C-alpha atoms as a PDB file:
ATOM      1  CA  MET A   1      -0.012  -0.005   0.251  1.00  0.00           C
ATOM      2  CA  LYS A   2       1.206   3.269  -0.798  1.00  0.00           C
ATOM      3  CA  THR A   3      -0.563   6.751   0.727  1.00  0.00           C
ATOM      4  CA  LEU A   4      -0.720   9.404  -1.827  1.00  0.00           C
ATOM      5  CA  LYS A   5      -2.253  12.965  -1.566  1.00  0.00           C
ATOM      6  CA  PHE A   6      -5.858  12.271  -2.735  1.00  0.00           C
ATOM      7  CA  TYR A   7      -5.941   7.994  -2.416  1.00  0.00           C
ATOM      8  CA  PHE A   8      -4.444   4.956  -1.573  1.00  0.00           C
ATOM      9  CA  ALA A   9      -2.638   2.801  -3.929  1.00  0.00           C
ATOM     10  CA  PHE A  10      -2.314  -1.031  -3.788  1.00  0.00           C
ATOM     11  CA  LYS A  11      -0.053  -2.503  -5.733  1.00  0.00           C
ATOM     12  CA  ARG A  12       1.189  -6.334  -6.625  1.00  0.00           C
ATOM     13  CA  LEU A  13       4.026  -5.362  -9.499  1.00  0.00           C
ATOM     14  CA  LYS A  14       1.721  -2.903 -10.631  1.00  0.00           C
ATOM     15  CA  ASN A  15      -1.160  -0.882  -9.268  1.00  0.00           C
ATOM     16  CA  PHE A  16      -4.518  -3.025  -9.093  1.00  0.00           C
ATOM     17  CA  ALA A  17      -6.644  -0.867  -7.042  1.00  0.00           C
ATOM     18  CA  CYS A  18      -6.912   2.816  -6.020  1.00  0.00           C
ATOM     19  CA  VAL A  19      -9.098   3.729  -3.116  1.00  0.00           C
ATOM     20  CA  GLU A  20     -10.490   6.869  -2.263  1.00  0.00           C
ATOM     21  CA  ILE A  21     -12.347   7.689   0.874  1.00  0.00           C
ATOM     22  CA  HIS A  22     -15.522  10.094   1.016  1.00  0.00           C
ATOM     23  CA  ASN A  23     -16.421  10.824   4.295  1.00  0.00           C
ATOM     24  CA  LYS A  24     -19.390  13.100   3.509  1.00  0.00           C
ATOM     25  CA  GLU A  25     -20.979  10.696   1.129  1.00  0.00           C
ATOM     26  CA  LYS A  26     -19.952   7.750   3.431  1.00  0.00           C
ATOM     27  CA  THR A  27     -18.384   5.766   0.694  1.00  0.00           C
ATOM     28  CA  VAL A  28     -15.340   3.929  -0.302  1.00  0.00           C
ATOM     29  CA  ARG A  29     -14.656   4.203  -4.032  1.00  0.00           C
ATOM     30  CA  VAL A  30     -12.549   1.909  -5.522  1.00  0.00           C
ATOM     31  CA  PHE A  31     -10.959   2.008  -8.916  1.00  0.00           C
ATOM     32  CA  LEU A  32     -10.060  -1.365 -10.490  1.00  0.00           C
ATOM     33  CA  LYS A  33      -8.099  -2.523 -13.701  1.00  0.00           C
ATOM     34  CA  VAL A  34     -10.885  -4.378 -14.774  1.00  0.00           C
ATOM     35  CA  ASP A  35     -12.576  -4.109 -18.321  1.00  0.00           C
ATOM     36  CA  PRO A  36     -15.775  -2.399 -17.816  1.00  0.00           C
ATOM     37  CA  THR A  37     -17.083  -3.830 -21.420  1.00  0.00           C
ATOM     38  CA  GLN A  38     -16.759  -7.538 -19.648  1.00  0.00           C
ATOM     39  CA  ILE A  39     -19.070  -7.339 -16.915  1.00  0.00           C
ATOM     40  CA  LYS A  40     -22.247  -6.011 -16.231  1.00  0.00           C
ATOM     41  CA  LEU A  41     -22.364  -2.664 -14.741  1.00  0.00           C
ATOM     42  CA  GLU A  42     -24.812  -1.921 -11.605  1.00  0.00           C
ATOM     43  CA  THR A  43     -26.245   1.651 -11.176  1.00  0.00           C
ATOM     44  CA  GLY A  44     -24.674   3.105  -8.058  1.00  0.00           C
ATOM     45  CA  PHE A  45     -22.240   0.110  -7.710  1.00  0.00           C
ATOM     46  CA  THR A  46     -20.014   0.118 -10.699  1.00  0.00           C
ATOM     47  CA  ARG A  47     -19.458   2.539 -13.288  1.00  0.00           C
ATOM     48  CA  ASP A  48     -17.055   2.627 -16.800  1.00  0.00           C
ATOM     49  CA  VAL A  49     -14.570   5.580 -15.982  1.00  0.00           C
ATOM     50  CA  SER A  50     -12.471   4.637 -19.069  1.00  0.00           C
ATOM     51  CA  GLY A  51     -13.333   8.181 -20.569  1.00  0.00           C
ATOM     52  CA  VAL A  52     -13.516   9.857 -17.397  1.00  0.00           C
ATOM     53  CA  GLY A  53     -10.635  11.608 -15.708  1.00  0.00           C
ATOM     54  CA  HIS A  54      -9.787  10.568 -12.074  1.00  0.00           C
ATOM     55  CA  PHE A  55      -6.857   9.961  -9.790  1.00  0.00           C
ATOM     56  CA  GLY A  56      -5.178   6.679  -9.884  1.00  0.00           C
ATOM     57  CA  THR A  57      -5.517   3.899 -12.024  1.00  0.00           C
ATOM     58  CA  GLY A  58      -8.134   1.468 -13.937  1.00  0.00           C
ATOM     59  CA  ASP A  59     -10.943   1.711 -15.711  1.00  0.00           C
ATOM     60  CA  LEU A  60     -13.623   0.481 -13.284  1.00  0.00           C
ATOM     61  CA  GLU A  61     -15.242   2.369 -10.588  1.00  0.00           C
ATOM     62  CA  VAL A  62     -16.641   0.241  -7.362  1.00  0.00           C
ATOM     63  CA  ASN A  63     -18.575   2.078  -4.637  1.00  0.00           C
ATOM     64  CA  LEU A  64     -18.565   0.501  -1.292  1.00  0.00           C
ATOM     65  CA  ARG A  65     -21.173   1.870   1.167  1.00  0.00           C
ATOM     66  CA  THR A  66     -22.158  -1.646   3.097  1.00  0.00           C
ATOM     67  CA  PRO A  67     -20.002  -4.817   4.141  1.00  0.00           C
ATOM     68  CA  ALA A  68     -22.402  -6.291   1.301  1.00  0.00           C
ATOM     69  CA  ASP A  69     -20.937  -4.177  -1.479  1.00  0.00           C
ATOM     70  CA  LEU A  70     -17.456  -5.341  -0.165  1.00  0.00           C
ATOM     71  CA  GLU A  71     -18.571  -8.829  -0.395  1.00  0.00           C
ATOM     72  CA  LYS A  72     -19.881  -8.297  -3.966  1.00  0.00           C
ATOM     73  CA  ALA A  73     -16.818  -6.514  -4.934  1.00  0.00           C
ATOM     74  CA  LYS A  74     -14.543  -9.081  -4.123  1.00  0.00           C
ATOM     75  CA  PRO A  75     -14.352 -11.100  -7.261  1.00  0.00           C
ATOM     76  CA  LEU A  76     -13.797  -7.922  -9.128  1.00  0.00           C
ATOM     77  CA  LEU A  77     -11.023  -7.031  -6.497  1.00  0.00           C
ATOM     78  CA  LEU A  78      -9.395 -10.734  -7.201  1.00  0.00           C
ATOM     79  CA  GLN A  79      -9.825 -10.284 -11.068  1.00  0.00           C
ATOM     80  CA  SER A  80      -8.007  -6.842 -10.757  1.00  0.00           C
ATOM     81  CA  TYR A  81      -5.239  -8.386  -8.582  1.00  0.00           C
ATOM     82  CA  GLU A  82      -4.352 -11.463 -10.591  1.00  0.00           C
ATOM     83  CA  ALA A  83      -4.262  -9.285 -13.743  1.00  0.00           C
ATOM     84  CA  SER A  84      -1.507  -7.145 -12.561  1.00  0.00           C
END
């Protein structure tokens, strides 16, 4: 893990996840190196950010608000981890 000014970067050989903490929204936003065209996007949970500027790396944004969201995101986190 590397702490940067606006996010936390998690890396294996390369970054596989960039995490932003949004206290006011009560959300943890994770950017993953997963091709968003290969998964079913869910409104409010996942979003394609390949054409959107953001801090960190990755084309898939995952918003975590509850422990259930984290459980649902685990396969995506693992996919990103194994790809890097």
